Amino acid sequence: MLTAYHHSPGDHCGSASLRNLADYYDWGFDEPACFGLGAGIGFGYHEEGPTSRMIIGRNAGLEPAFFDHLGLTVSHRDGQPRDAAWQALETRLESGPVLCFVDLYYLPYFGSDTHFGPHTIVVAGIDADTVTISDSEFPEPQLVTRTEFDAAWSSEYGFGPLDRRWLAVDDPNERTAVEDATRDAVESATKTMLEGGRGFGSGGVDAIRAFADELPEWTAFDDVQWMARFAYQNIERRGTGGGAFRRLYADFLDTLGTEADFDPRFGERMHRIADDWTVLGEELRVVSETDDEDERAEHLIEASEHAQRLADREEELFEDLAAVI
């Protein structure tokens, strides 16, 4: 393992991995700052995944966007043949840690029977037999075999094949002023939330409304209880930081947002929105544990109305942010 690398757990795999890189390179960013600088907030309502319908509260571009907004040069590769990818990984580790994107199903320390990817981790070391993984879900680094790691790194599951994707910093010293990077990141987030974008989790407010509109129809799916449970987990657990990632974004607005001269009331509003996402998550958890079909239908209608109100509030908040950029 790299001697100067310090592993620390966190709320979300992507932002915590970026925070650990920030510590390694002495950039001075906490996890909410990394999440916000990556414009990580988003929303997706998808038909692919471990359930018939799946929601996610972050967008796909968090990690590369973090570096783009800060003006940091990186190498970002996927689709390399196995030997070339491993050679690149080993070579890059000679100069610093490497972000990799994996399917946690193949990582034995998770003990998961559900495919989920991309899950972001930091590779901090390789030897002849094992790979040292810095995974935000665990208090200590984890060791896996090369075979186990390659299965996770090359998985066909998730939001498209993972293709042994990796990202490493080329020059950690030349970067944009934090205030400018913050404003660029907030502008990017407003566009995602108001206009939508490409990739999973990039549907924005329109995707929240699509989710809200269809919630009462979830009763038609055979896996409705698992759908509701997984949606609850993707709001309140599974590395979201609580409130469908909104709490992380609120903390970012509280700190770097105010440093970049955004009104502190933006952070306050996002905290209230995050709290109401937590309430919605609890409503969905109740759906997942309700065996009576009529009761489930009533709870789903209530959840739908709640989600519609959240969509309206997020649209208003991001319109107000867009107006001051």
C-alpha atoms as a PDB file:
ATOM      1  CA  MET A   1       0.000   0.000   0.000  1.00  0.00           C
ATOM      2  CA  LEU A   2       1.201   3.534  -0.764  1.00  0.00           C
ATOM      3  CA  THR A   3       2.885   4.737   2.423  1.00  0.00           C
ATOM      4  CA  ALA A   4       1.529   8.311   2.181  1.00  0.00           C
ATOM      5  CA  TYR A   5      -2.048   7.231   1.482  1.00  0.00           C
ATOM      6  CA  HIS A   6      -4.500   7.459   4.382  1.00  0.00           C
ATOM      7  CA  HIS A   7      -7.741   5.520   4.136  1.00  0.00           C
ATOM      8  CA  SER A   8     -10.837   6.973   5.746  1.00  0.00           C
ATOM      9  CA  PRO A   9     -14.469   5.824   5.361  1.00  0.00           C
ATOM     10  CA  GLY A  10     -17.243   8.170   4.288  1.00  0.00           C
ATOM     11  CA  ASP A  11     -20.847   8.585   3.269  1.00  0.00           C
ATOM     12  CA  HIS A  12     -20.674   7.960  -0.487  1.00  0.00           C
ATOM     13  CA  CYS A  13     -18.225   5.887  -2.491  1.00  0.00           C
ATOM     14  CA  GLY A  14     -17.457   8.550  -5.112  1.00  0.00           C
ATOM     15  CA  SER A  15     -17.160  11.619  -2.909  1.00  0.00           C
ATOM     16  CA  ALA A  16     -15.335   9.755  -0.121  1.00  0.00           C
ATOM     17  CA  SER A  17     -12.838   8.334  -2.622  1.00  0.00           C
ATOM     18  CA  LEU A  18     -12.267  11.848  -3.958  1.00  0.00           C
ATOM     19  CA  ARG A  19     -11.855  13.114  -0.382  1.00  0.00           C
ATOM     20  CA  ASN A  20      -9.184  10.465   0.227  1.00  0.00           C
ATOM     21  CA  LEU A  21      -7.399  11.582  -2.935  1.00  0.00           C
ATOM     22  CA  ALA A  22      -7.713  15.195  -1.759  1.00  0.00           C
ATOM     23  CA  ASP A  23      -6.054  14.206   1.512  1.00  0.00           C
ATOM     24  CA  TYR A  24      -3.265  12.389  -0.333  1.00  0.00           C
ATOM     25  CA  TYR A  25      -2.566  15.419  -2.535  1.00  0.00           C
ATOM     26  CA  ASP A  26      -3.173  17.925   0.286  1.00  0.00           C
ATOM     27  CA  TRP A  27      -5.977  19.799  -1.501  1.00  0.00           C
ATOM     28  CA  GLY A  28      -7.902  20.364   1.715  1.00  0.00           C
ATOM     29  CA  PHE A  29     -11.423  19.297   0.656  1.00  0.00           C
ATOM     30  CA  ASP A  30     -13.868  17.423   2.878  1.00  0.00           C
ATOM     31  CA  GLU A  31     -16.368  14.955   1.439  1.00  0.00           C
ATOM     32  CA  PRO A  32     -19.311  17.369   0.872  1.00  0.00           C
ATOM     33  CA  ALA A  33     -16.908  19.733  -0.917  1.00  0.00           C
ATOM     34  CA  CYS A  34     -15.810  16.904  -3.216  1.00  0.00           C
ATOM     35  CA  PHE A  35     -19.417  15.941  -3.900  1.00  0.00           C
ATOM     36  CA  GLY A  36     -20.399  19.517  -4.708  1.00  0.00           C
ATOM     37  CA  LEU A  37     -17.300  20.290  -6.792  1.00  0.00           C
ATOM     38  CA  GLY A  38     -18.187  17.207  -8.817  1.00  0.00           C
ATOM     39  CA  ALA A  39     -21.735  18.530  -9.291  1.00  0.00           C
ATOM     40  CA  GLY A  40     -22.762  15.115  -8.028  1.00  0.00           C
ATOM     41  CA  ILE A  41     -26.397  15.893  -7.332  1.00  0.00           C
ATOM     42  CA  GLY A  42     -28.860  14.451  -9.832  1.00  0.00           C
ATOM     43  CA  PHE A  43     -31.784  12.114 -10.136  1.00  0.00           C
ATOM     44  CA  GLY A  44     -32.517   9.094 -12.265  1.00  0.00           C
ATOM     45  CA  TYR A  45     -35.545   6.890 -12.671  1.00  0.00           C
ATOM     46  CA  HIS A  46     -34.509   3.779 -14.547  1.00  0.00           C
ATOM     47  CA  GLU A  47     -35.975   0.525 -15.806  1.00  0.00           C
ATOM     48  CA  GLU A  48     -32.643  -1.302 -15.571  1.00  0.00           C
ATOM     49  CA  GLY A  49     -31.179  -2.513 -12.306  1.00  0.00           C
ATOM     50  CA  PRO A  50     -31.889  -5.122  -9.628  1.00  0.00           C
ATOM     51  CA  THR A  51     -35.584  -4.122  -9.469  1.00  0.00           C
ATOM     52  CA  SER A  52     -38.224  -3.356 -12.109  1.00  0.00           C
ATOM     53  CA  ARG A  53     -37.801   0.366 -11.423  1.00  0.00           C
ATOM     54  CA  MET A  54     -34.877   2.035  -9.706  1.00  0.00           C
ATOM     55  CA  ILE A  55     -34.125   5.542  -8.505  1.00  0.00           C
ATOM     56  CA  ILE A  56     -30.743   7.121  -7.837  1.00  0.00           C
ATOM     57  CA  GLY A  57     -29.993  10.593  -6.482  1.00  0.00           C
ATOM     58  CA  ARG A  58     -26.585  11.292  -8.013  1.00  0.00           C
ATOM     59  CA  ASN A  59     -25.419  11.583 -11.592  1.00  0.00           C
ATOM     60  CA  ALA A  60     -22.850   9.502 -13.417  1.00  0.00           C
ATOM     61  CA  GLY A  61     -20.299  12.237 -13.955  1.00  0.00           C
ATOM     62  CA  LEU A  62     -19.310  13.092 -10.377  1.00  0.00           C
ATOM     63  CA  GLU A  63     -15.721  11.872 -10.431  1.00  0.00           C
ATOM     64  CA  PRO A  64     -14.493  13.249 -13.784  1.00  0.00           C
ATOM     65  CA  ALA A  65     -16.476  16.479 -13.257  1.00  0.00           C
ATOM     66  CA  PHE A  66     -14.651  17.079  -9.959  1.00  0.00           C
ATOM     67  CA  PHE A  67     -11.347  17.194 -11.820  1.00  0.00           C
ATOM     68  CA  ASP A  68     -12.765  19.173 -14.739  1.00  0.00           C
ATOM     69  CA  HIS A  69     -14.146  21.934 -12.508  1.00  0.00           C
ATOM     70  CA  LEU A  70     -10.837  22.178 -10.647  1.00  0.00           C
ATOM     71  CA  GLY A  71      -8.849  22.225 -13.889  1.00  0.00           C
ATOM     72  CA  LEU A  72      -6.797  19.190 -12.842  1.00  0.00           C
ATOM     73  CA  THR A  73      -5.294  17.037 -15.564  1.00  0.00           C
ATOM     74  CA  VAL A  74      -6.078  13.333 -15.292  1.00  0.00           C
ATOM     75  CA  SER A  75      -5.853  10.148 -17.317  1.00  0.00           C
ATOM     76  CA  HIS A  76      -9.241   8.450 -17.679  1.00  0.00           C
ATOM     77  CA  ARG A  77      -9.421   5.116 -19.483  1.00  0.00           C
ATOM     78  CA  ASP A  78     -11.759   2.208 -20.072  1.00  0.00           C
ATOM     79  CA  GLY A  79     -12.109  -0.609 -22.561  1.00  0.00           C
ATOM     80  CA  GLN A  80      -8.447  -1.596 -22.489  1.00  0.00           C
ATOM     81  CA  PRO A  81      -7.595  -5.292 -22.938  1.00  0.00           C
ATOM     82  CA  ARG A  82      -7.019  -7.094 -19.662  1.00  0.00           C
ATOM     83  CA  ASP A  83      -3.205  -7.123 -19.757  1.00  0.00           C
ATOM     84  CA  ALA A  84      -2.977  -3.487 -20.870  1.00  0.00           C
ATOM     85  CA  ALA A  85      -5.372  -2.344 -18.159  1.00  0.00           C
ATOM     86  CA  TRP A  86      -3.459  -4.167 -15.434  1.00  0.00           C
ATOM     87  CA  GLN A  87      -0.132  -2.847 -16.697  1.00  0.00           C
ATOM     88  CA  ALA A  88      -1.536   0.700 -16.701  1.00  0.00           C
ATOM     89  CA  LEU A  89      -2.890   0.260 -13.172  1.00  0.00           C
ATOM     90  CA  GLU A  90       0.432  -1.020 -11.837  1.00  0.00           C
ATOM     91  CA  THR A  91       2.360   1.748 -13.597  1.00  0.00           C
ATOM     92  CA  ARG A  92       0.087   4.509 -12.290  1.00  0.00           C
ATOM     93  CA  LEU A  93       0.371   3.188  -8.741  1.00  0.00           C
ATOM     94  CA  GLU A  94       4.069   3.993  -8.836  1.00  0.00           C
ATOM     95  CA  SER A  95       3.151   7.710  -8.669  1.00  0.00           C
ATOM     96  CA  GLY A  96      -0.121   7.741  -6.744  1.00  0.00           C
ATOM     97  CA  PRO A  97      -3.480   6.102  -5.971  1.00  0.00           C
ATOM     98  CA  VAL A  98      -5.913   5.205  -8.756  1.00  0.00           C
ATOM     99  CA  LEU A  99      -9.705   5.491  -8.833  1.00  0.00           C
ATOM    100  CA  CYS A 100     -11.400   2.369 -10.192  1.00  0.00           C
ATOM    101  CA  PHE A 101     -15.055   1.565 -10.852  1.00  0.00           C
ATOM    102  CA  VAL A 102     -16.289  -1.880  -9.865  1.00  0.00           C
ATOM    103  CA  ASP A 103     -19.307  -4.132  -9.259  1.00  0.00           C
ATOM    104  CA  LEU A 104     -19.453  -4.730  -5.509  1.00  0.00           C
ATOM    105  CA  TYR A 105     -21.111  -8.136  -6.070  1.00  0.00           C
ATOM    106  CA  TYR A 106     -17.669  -9.610  -6.834  1.00  0.00           C
ATOM    107  CA  LEU A 107     -15.932  -8.105  -3.792  1.00  0.00           C
ATOM    108  CA  PRO A 108     -16.070 -10.834  -1.117  1.00  0.00           C
ATOM    109  CA  TYR A 109     -15.862  -8.419   1.804  1.00  0.00           C
ATOM    110  CA  PHE A 110     -19.316  -7.067   0.864  1.00  0.00           C
ATOM    111  CA  GLY A 111     -21.004 -10.468   0.906  1.00  0.00           C
ATOM    112  CA  SER A 112     -23.633  -9.046  -1.470  1.00  0.00           C
ATOM    113  CA  ASP A 113     -26.001 -11.126  -3.580  1.00  0.00           C
ATOM    114  CA  THR A 114     -26.960  -8.040  -5.643  1.00  0.00           C
ATOM    115  CA  HIS A 115     -24.971  -6.628  -8.551  1.00  0.00           C
ATOM    116  CA  PHE A 116     -24.336  -2.909  -8.123  1.00  0.00           C
ATOM    117  CA  GLY A 117     -21.980  -0.807 -10.181  1.00  0.00           C
ATOM    118  CA  PRO A 118     -20.220   1.386 -10.787  1.00  0.00           C
ATOM    119  CA  HIS A 119     -19.057   1.438  -7.184  1.00  0.00           C
ATOM    120  CA  THR A 120     -16.097   3.817  -6.835  1.00  0.00           C
ATOM    121  CA  ILE A 121     -13.024   2.716  -4.902  1.00  0.00           C
ATOM    122  CA  VAL A 122      -9.363   3.716  -4.669  1.00  0.00           C
ATOM    123  CA  VAL A 123      -6.672   1.166  -5.427  1.00  0.00           C
ATOM    124  CA  ALA A 124      -3.814   1.909  -3.047  1.00  0.00           C
ATOM    125  CA  GLY A 125      -1.530  -1.056  -3.697  1.00  0.00           C
ATOM    126  CA  ILE A 126      -0.905  -4.245  -5.681  1.00  0.00           C
ATOM    127  CA  ASP A 127       1.410  -7.138  -5.061  1.00  0.00           C
ATOM    128  CA  ALA A 128       1.870 -10.484  -6.787  1.00  0.00           C
ATOM    129  CA  ASP A 129      -1.363 -11.931  -5.432  1.00  0.00           C
ATOM    130  CA  THR A 130      -3.565  -9.192  -3.956  1.00  0.00           C
ATOM    131  CA  VAL A 131      -5.029  -5.731  -4.512  1.00  0.00           C
ATOM    132  CA  THR A 132      -5.397  -3.245  -1.639  1.00  0.00           C
ATOM    133  CA  ILE A 133      -8.721  -1.422  -1.891  1.00  0.00           C
ATOM    134  CA  SER A 134      -9.672   1.780  -0.097  1.00  0.00           C
ATOM    135  CA  ASP A 135     -13.461   1.431   0.066  1.00  0.00           C
ATOM    136  CA  SER A 136     -15.512   4.151   1.769  1.00  0.00           C
ATOM    137  CA  GLU A 137     -17.936   1.580   3.199  1.00  0.00           C
ATOM    138  CA  PHE A 138     -15.332   0.093   5.534  1.00  0.00           C
ATOM    139  CA  PRO A 139     -13.138   1.478   8.328  1.00  0.00           C
ATOM    140  CA  GLU A 140      -9.975  -0.255   7.110  1.00  0.00           C
ATOM    141  CA  PRO A 141      -8.497  -1.019   3.659  1.00  0.00           C
ATOM    142  CA  GLN A 142      -9.587  -4.332   2.171  1.00  0.00           C
ATOM    143  CA  LEU A 143      -7.510  -7.024   0.468  1.00  0.00           C
ATOM    144  CA  VAL A 144      -8.863  -9.046  -2.470  1.00  0.00           C
ATOM    145  CA  THR A 145      -7.202 -11.386  -4.914  1.00  0.00           C
ATOM    146  CA  ARG A 146      -6.319 -10.190  -8.378  1.00  0.00           C
ATOM    147  CA  THR A 147      -8.940 -12.569  -9.784  1.00  0.00           C
ATOM    148  CA  GLU A 148     -11.663 -11.163  -7.520  1.00  0.00           C
ATOM    149  CA  PHE A 149     -10.704  -7.603  -8.355  1.00  0.00           C
ATOM    150  CA  ASP A 150     -10.655  -8.216 -12.085  1.00  0.00           C
ATOM    151  CA  ALA A 151     -14.124  -9.785 -11.960  1.00  0.00           C
ATOM    152  CA  ALA A 152     -15.440  -6.671 -10.174  1.00  0.00           C
ATOM    153  CA  TRP A 153     -13.513  -4.291 -12.446  1.00  0.00           C
ATOM    154  CA  SER A 154     -14.647  -5.932 -15.700  1.00  0.00           C
ATOM    155  CA  SER A 155     -18.252  -6.761 -14.737  1.00  0.00           C
ATOM    156  CA  GLU A 156     -20.962  -6.626 -17.395  1.00  0.00           C
ATOM    157  CA  TYR A 157     -23.507  -5.594 -14.759  1.00  0.00           C
ATOM    158  CA  GLY A 158     -24.462  -2.129 -13.595  1.00  0.00           C
ATOM    159  CA  PHE A 159     -25.309   0.851 -15.759  1.00  0.00           C
ATOM    160  CA  GLY A 160     -23.446  -0.550 -18.728  1.00  0.00           C
ATOM    161  CA  PRO A 161     -20.256  -2.665 -18.748  1.00  0.00           C
ATOM    162  CA  LEU A 162     -17.571  -1.373 -16.394  1.00  0.00           C
ATOM    163  CA  ASP A 163     -14.778  -2.128 -18.897  1.00  0.00           C
ATOM    164  CA  ARG A 164     -11.891  -1.903 -16.383  1.00  0.00           C
ATOM    165  CA  ARG A 165     -12.416   1.863 -16.086  1.00  0.00           C
ATOM    166  CA  TRP A 166      -9.809   3.812 -14.114  1.00  0.00           C
ATOM    167  CA  LEU A 167      -8.861   7.431 -13.430  1.00  0.00           C
ATOM    168  CA  ALA A 168      -5.583   8.834 -12.094  1.00  0.00           C
ATOM    169  CA  VAL A 169      -4.224  12.333 -11.482  1.00  0.00           C
ATOM    170  CA  ASP A 170      -1.479  13.506 -13.840  1.00  0.00           C
ATOM    171  CA  ASP A 171      -0.563  16.834 -12.210  1.00  0.00           C
ATOM    172  CA  PRO A 172      -1.925  17.507  -8.709  1.00  0.00           C
ATOM    173  CA  ASN A 173      -0.433  21.001  -8.398  1.00  0.00           C
ATOM    174  CA  GLU A 174      -1.992  23.169 -11.108  1.00  0.00           C
ATOM    175  CA  ARG A 175      -5.667  23.816 -10.451  1.00  0.00           C
ATOM    176  CA  THR A 176      -8.393  26.440 -10.723  1.00  0.00           C
ATOM    177  CA  ALA A 177      -9.202  28.772  -7.817  1.00  0.00           C
ATOM    178  CA  VAL A 178     -11.720  27.087  -5.519  1.00  0.00           C
ATOM    179  CA  GLU A 179     -14.249  29.933  -5.779  1.00  0.00           C
ATOM    180  CA  ASP A 180     -14.262  29.680  -9.591  1.00  0.00           C
ATOM    181  CA  ALA A 181     -14.471  25.896  -9.487  1.00  0.00           C
ATOM    182  CA  THR A 182     -17.397  26.121  -7.080  1.00  0.00           C
ATOM    183  CA  ARG A 183     -19.350  28.460  -9.327  1.00  0.00           C
ATOM    184  CA  ASP A 184     -18.661  26.263 -12.367  1.00  0.00           C
ATOM    185  CA  ALA A 185     -19.802  23.198 -10.419  1.00  0.00           C
ATOM    186  CA  VAL A 186     -23.027  24.854  -9.259  1.00  0.00           C
ATOM    187  CA  GLU A 187     -23.760  25.989 -12.813  1.00  0.00           C
ATOM    188  CA  SER A 188     -23.264  22.413 -14.017  1.00  0.00           C
ATOM    189  CA  ALA A 189     -25.564  21.082 -11.286  1.00  0.00           C
ATOM    190  CA  THR A 190     -28.329  23.533 -12.168  1.00  0.00           C
ATOM    191  CA  LYS A 191     -28.182  22.475 -15.817  1.00  0.00           C
ATOM    192  CA  THR A 192     -28.413  18.798 -14.890  1.00  0.00           C
ATOM    193  CA  MET A 193     -31.334  19.328 -12.542  1.00  0.00           C
ATOM    194  CA  LEU A 194     -33.270  21.712 -14.799  1.00  0.00           C
ATOM    195  CA  GLU A 195     -32.426  20.423 -18.283  1.00  0.00           C
ATOM    196  CA  GLY A 196     -31.378  16.820 -17.727  1.00  0.00           C
ATOM    197  CA  GLY A 197     -28.313  15.188 -19.175  1.00  0.00           C
ATOM    198  CA  ARG A 198     -26.822  11.948 -20.424  1.00  0.00           C
ATOM    199  CA  GLY A 199     -26.103   8.887 -18.345  1.00  0.00           C
ATOM    200  CA  PHE A 200     -27.614   7.330 -15.259  1.00  0.00           C
ATOM    201  CA  GLY A 201     -28.845   9.710 -12.582  1.00  0.00           C
ATOM    202  CA  SER A 202     -28.911  12.689 -14.936  1.00  0.00           C
ATOM    203  CA  GLY A 203     -32.647  13.084 -15.449  1.00  0.00           C
ATOM    204  CA  GLY A 204     -33.015  15.966 -13.000  1.00  0.00           C
ATOM    205  CA  VAL A 205     -36.364  17.390 -11.927  1.00  0.00           C
ATOM    206  CA  ASP A 206     -38.173  15.773 -14.856  1.00  0.00           C
ATOM    207  CA  ALA A 207     -37.034  12.352 -13.631  1.00  0.00           C
ATOM    208  CA  ILE A 208     -38.331  13.100 -10.117  1.00  0.00           C
ATOM    209  CA  ARG A 209     -41.708  13.919 -11.663  1.00  0.00           C
ATOM    210  CA  ALA A 210     -41.664  10.731 -13.759  1.00  0.00           C
ATOM    211  CA  PHE A 211     -40.930   8.763 -10.579  1.00  0.00           C
ATOM    212  CA  ALA A 212     -43.741  10.541  -8.734  1.00  0.00           C
ATOM    213  CA  ASP A 213     -46.214  10.008 -11.574  1.00  0.00           C
ATOM    214  CA  GLU A 214     -45.581   6.274 -11.754  1.00  0.00           C
ATOM    215  CA  LEU A 215     -45.412   5.481  -8.038  1.00  0.00           C
ATOM    216  CA  PRO A 216     -49.143   4.612  -7.758  1.00  0.00           C
ATOM    217  CA  GLU A 217     -48.666   2.152 -10.649  1.00  0.00           C
ATOM    218  CA  TRP A 218     -45.972   0.201  -8.801  1.00  0.00           C
ATOM    219  CA  THR A 219     -48.758  -2.018  -7.451  1.00  0.00           C
ATOM    220  CA  ALA A 220     -48.791  -3.753 -10.859  1.00  0.00           C
ATOM    221  CA  PHE A 221     -45.229  -5.075 -10.441  1.00  0.00           C
ATOM    222  CA  ASP A 222     -44.568  -8.464  -8.877  1.00  0.00           C
ATOM    223  CA  ASP A 223     -41.529  -7.083  -7.043  1.00  0.00           C
ATOM    224  CA  VAL A 224     -43.266  -3.961  -5.697  1.00  0.00           C
ATOM    225  CA  GLN A 225     -42.048  -4.528  -2.141  1.00  0.00           C
ATOM    226  CA  TRP A 226     -38.439  -5.016  -3.265  1.00  0.00           C
ATOM    227  CA  MET A 227     -38.783  -1.940  -5.518  1.00  0.00           C
ATOM    228  CA  ALA A 228     -39.941   0.136  -2.555  1.00  0.00           C
ATOM    229  CA  ARG A 229     -37.205  -1.279  -0.305  1.00  0.00           C
ATOM    230  CA  PHE A 230     -34.475  -0.599  -2.846  1.00  0.00           C
ATOM    231  CA  ALA A 231     -35.812   2.933  -3.426  1.00  0.00           C
ATOM    232  CA  TYR A 232     -35.740   3.544   0.348  1.00  0.00           C
ATOM    233  CA  GLN A 233     -32.161   2.269   0.463  1.00  0.00           C
ATOM    234  CA  ASN A 234     -31.148   4.496  -2.448  1.00  0.00           C
ATOM    235  CA  ILE A 235     -32.593   7.494  -0.618  1.00  0.00           C
ATOM    236  CA  GLU A 236     -31.388   6.876   2.907  1.00  0.00           C
ATOM    237  CA  ARG A 237     -28.707   4.171   2.828  1.00  0.00           C
ATOM    238  CA  ARG A 238     -26.346   2.726   0.184  1.00  0.00           C
ATOM    239  CA  GLY A 239     -23.830   5.566   0.561  1.00  0.00           C
ATOM    240  CA  THR A 240     -26.139   8.506  -0.066  1.00  0.00           C
ATOM    241  CA  GLY A 241     -25.269  10.469   3.059  1.00  0.00           C
ATOM    242  CA  GLY A 242     -29.021  10.601   3.747  1.00  0.00           C
ATOM    243  CA  GLY A 243     -31.817  12.413   1.962  1.00  0.00           C
ATOM    244  CA  ALA A 244     -31.014  11.094  -1.545  1.00  0.00           C
ATOM    245  CA  PHE A 245     -27.576  12.778  -1.554  1.00  0.00           C
ATOM    246  CA  ARG A 246     -29.230  16.134  -0.830  1.00  0.00           C
ATOM    247  CA  ARG A 247     -27.640  16.353   2.634  1.00  0.00           C
ATOM    248  CA  LEU A 248     -24.157  16.140   1.130  1.00  0.00           C
ATOM    249  CA  TYR A 249     -25.047  18.864  -1.360  1.00  0.00           C
ATOM    250  CA  ALA A 250     -26.536  21.043   1.387  1.00  0.00           C
ATOM    251  CA  ASP A 251     -23.283  20.777   3.370  1.00  0.00           C
ATOM    252  CA  PHE A 252     -21.358  21.813   0.243  1.00  0.00           C
ATOM    253  CA  LEU A 253     -23.580  24.880  -0.189  1.00  0.00           C
ATOM    254  CA  ASP A 254     -23.056  25.705   3.505  1.00  0.00           C
ATOM    255  CA  THR A 255     -19.276  25.806   3.095  1.00  0.00           C
ATOM    256  CA  LEU A 256     -17.797  26.306  -0.365  1.00  0.00           C
ATOM    257  CA  GLY A 257     -21.068  27.804  -1.604  1.00  0.00           C
ATOM    258  CA  THR A 258     -20.957  30.632   0.911  1.00  0.00           C
ATOM    259  CA  GLU A 259     -17.219  31.111   0.256  1.00  0.00           C
ATOM    260  CA  ALA A 260     -18.169  31.663  -3.394  1.00  0.00           C
ATOM    261  CA  ASP A 261     -20.722  34.314  -2.285  1.00  0.00           C
ATOM    262  CA  PHE A 262     -23.896  32.257  -2.634  1.00  0.00           C
ATOM    263  CA  ASP A 263     -26.620  33.233  -0.189  1.00  0.00           C
ATOM    264  CA  PRO A 264     -26.444  30.878   2.847  1.00  0.00           C
ATOM    265  CA  ARG A 265     -30.198  30.384   2.555  1.00  0.00           C
ATOM    266  CA  PHE A 266     -29.557  28.075  -0.414  1.00  0.00           C
ATOM    267  CA  GLY A 267     -27.907  25.613   1.938  1.00  0.00           C
ATOM    268  CA  GLU A 268     -30.740  25.963   4.431  1.00  0.00           C
ATOM    269  CA  ARG A 269     -33.311  25.224   1.739  1.00  0.00           C
ATOM    270  CA  MET A 270     -31.406  22.173   0.556  1.00  0.00           C
ATOM    271  CA  HIS A 271     -31.189  20.854   4.113  1.00  0.00           C
ATOM    272  CA  ARG A 272     -34.992  21.071   4.390  1.00  0.00           C
ATOM    273  CA  ILE A 273     -35.363  19.298   1.049  1.00  0.00           C
ATOM    274  CA  ALA A 274     -32.977  16.572   2.225  1.00  0.00           C
ATOM    275  CA  ASP A 275     -35.038  16.121   5.383  1.00  0.00           C
ATOM    276  CA  ASP A 276     -38.179  15.626   3.305  1.00  0.00           C
ATOM    277  CA  TRP A 277     -36.440  13.084   1.080  1.00  0.00           C
ATOM    278  CA  THR A 278     -35.698  11.195   4.292  1.00  0.00           C
ATOM    279  CA  VAL A 279     -39.418  11.304   5.107  1.00  0.00           C
ATOM    280  CA  LEU A 280     -40.222   9.997   1.608  1.00  0.00           C
ATOM    281  CA  GLY A 281     -37.696   7.210   2.082  1.00  0.00           C
ATOM    282  CA  GLU A 282     -39.437   6.192   5.268  1.00  0.00           C
ATOM    283  CA  GLU A 283     -42.786   6.108   3.438  1.00  0.00           C
ATOM    284  CA  LEU A 284     -41.268   3.737   0.894  1.00  0.00           C
ATOM    285  CA  ARG A 285     -39.787   1.575   3.625  1.00  0.00           C
ATOM    286  CA  VAL A 286     -43.306   1.207   5.047  1.00  0.00           C
ATOM    287  CA  VAL A 287     -44.549   0.161   1.583  1.00  0.00           C
ATOM    288  CA  SER A 288     -41.843  -2.498   1.476  1.00  0.00           C
ATOM    289  CA  GLU A 289     -43.026  -3.955   4.788  1.00  0.00           C
ATOM    290  CA  THR A 290     -46.786  -3.783   4.113  1.00  0.00           C
ATOM    291  CA  ASP A 291     -48.354  -7.035   2.979  1.00  0.00           C
ATOM    292  CA  ASP A 292     -51.883  -5.708   2.496  1.00  0.00           C
ATOM    293  CA  GLU A 293     -52.295  -4.642  -1.152  1.00  0.00           C
ATOM    294  CA  ASP A 294     -54.829  -1.891  -0.434  1.00  0.00           C
ATOM    295  CA  GLU A 295     -52.634  -0.358   2.242  1.00  0.00           C
ATOM    296  CA  ARG A 296     -49.618  -0.468  -0.083  1.00  0.00           C
ATOM    297  CA  ALA A 297     -51.645   1.322  -2.763  1.00  0.00           C
ATOM    298  CA  GLU A 298     -52.606   4.084  -0.311  1.00  0.00           C
ATOM    299  CA  HIS A 299     -49.022   4.544   0.851  1.00  0.00           C
ATOM    300  CA  LEU A 300     -47.797   4.736  -2.749  1.00  0.00           C
ATOM    301  CA  ILE A 301     -50.319   7.485  -3.536  1.00  0.00           C
ATOM    302  CA  GLU A 302     -49.095   9.446  -0.514  1.00  0.00           C
ATOM    303  CA  ALA A 303     -45.485   8.894  -1.585  1.00  0.00           C
ATOM    304  CA  SER A 304     -46.336  10.090  -5.095  1.00  0.00           C
ATOM    305  CA  GLU A 305     -47.795  13.341  -3.791  1.00  0.00           C
ATOM    306  CA  HIS A 306     -44.757  13.844  -1.564  1.00  0.00           C
ATOM    307  CA  ALA A 307     -42.371  13.274  -4.487  1.00  0.00           C
ATOM    308  CA  GLN A 308     -44.281  15.776  -6.642  1.00  0.00           C
ATOM    309  CA  ARG A 309     -43.867  18.451  -3.967  1.00  0.00           C
ATOM    310  CA  LEU A 310     -40.155  17.690  -3.771  1.00  0.00           C
ATOM    311  CA  ALA A 311     -39.842  18.076  -7.548  1.00  0.00           C
ATOM    312  CA  ASP A 312     -41.490  21.511  -7.351  1.00  0.00           C
ATOM    313  CA  ARG A 313     -39.200  22.639  -4.533  1.00  0.00           C
ATOM    314  CA  GLU A 314     -36.046  21.415  -6.257  1.00  0.00           C
ATOM    315  CA  GLU A 315     -37.038  23.098  -9.495  1.00  0.00           C
ATOM    316  CA  GLU A 316     -37.542  26.380  -7.649  1.00  0.00           C
ATOM    317  CA  LEU A 317     -34.250  26.066  -5.762  1.00  0.00           C
ATOM    318  CA  PHE A 318     -32.164  25.327  -8.849  1.00  0.00           C
ATOM    319  CA  GLU A 319     -33.884  28.075 -10.835  1.00  0.00           C
ATOM    320  CA  ASP A 320     -32.947  30.491  -8.077  1.00  0.00           C
ATOM    321  CA  LEU A 321     -29.349  29.218  -8.082  1.00  0.00           C
ATOM    322  CA  ALA A 322     -29.177  29.569 -11.865  1.00  0.00           C
ATOM    323  CA  ALA A 323     -30.324  33.163 -11.572  1.00  0.00           C
ATOM    324  CA  VAL A 324     -27.362  34.182  -9.391  1.00  0.00           C
ATOM    325  CA  ILE A 325     -24.551  32.391 -11.238  1.00  0.00           C
END
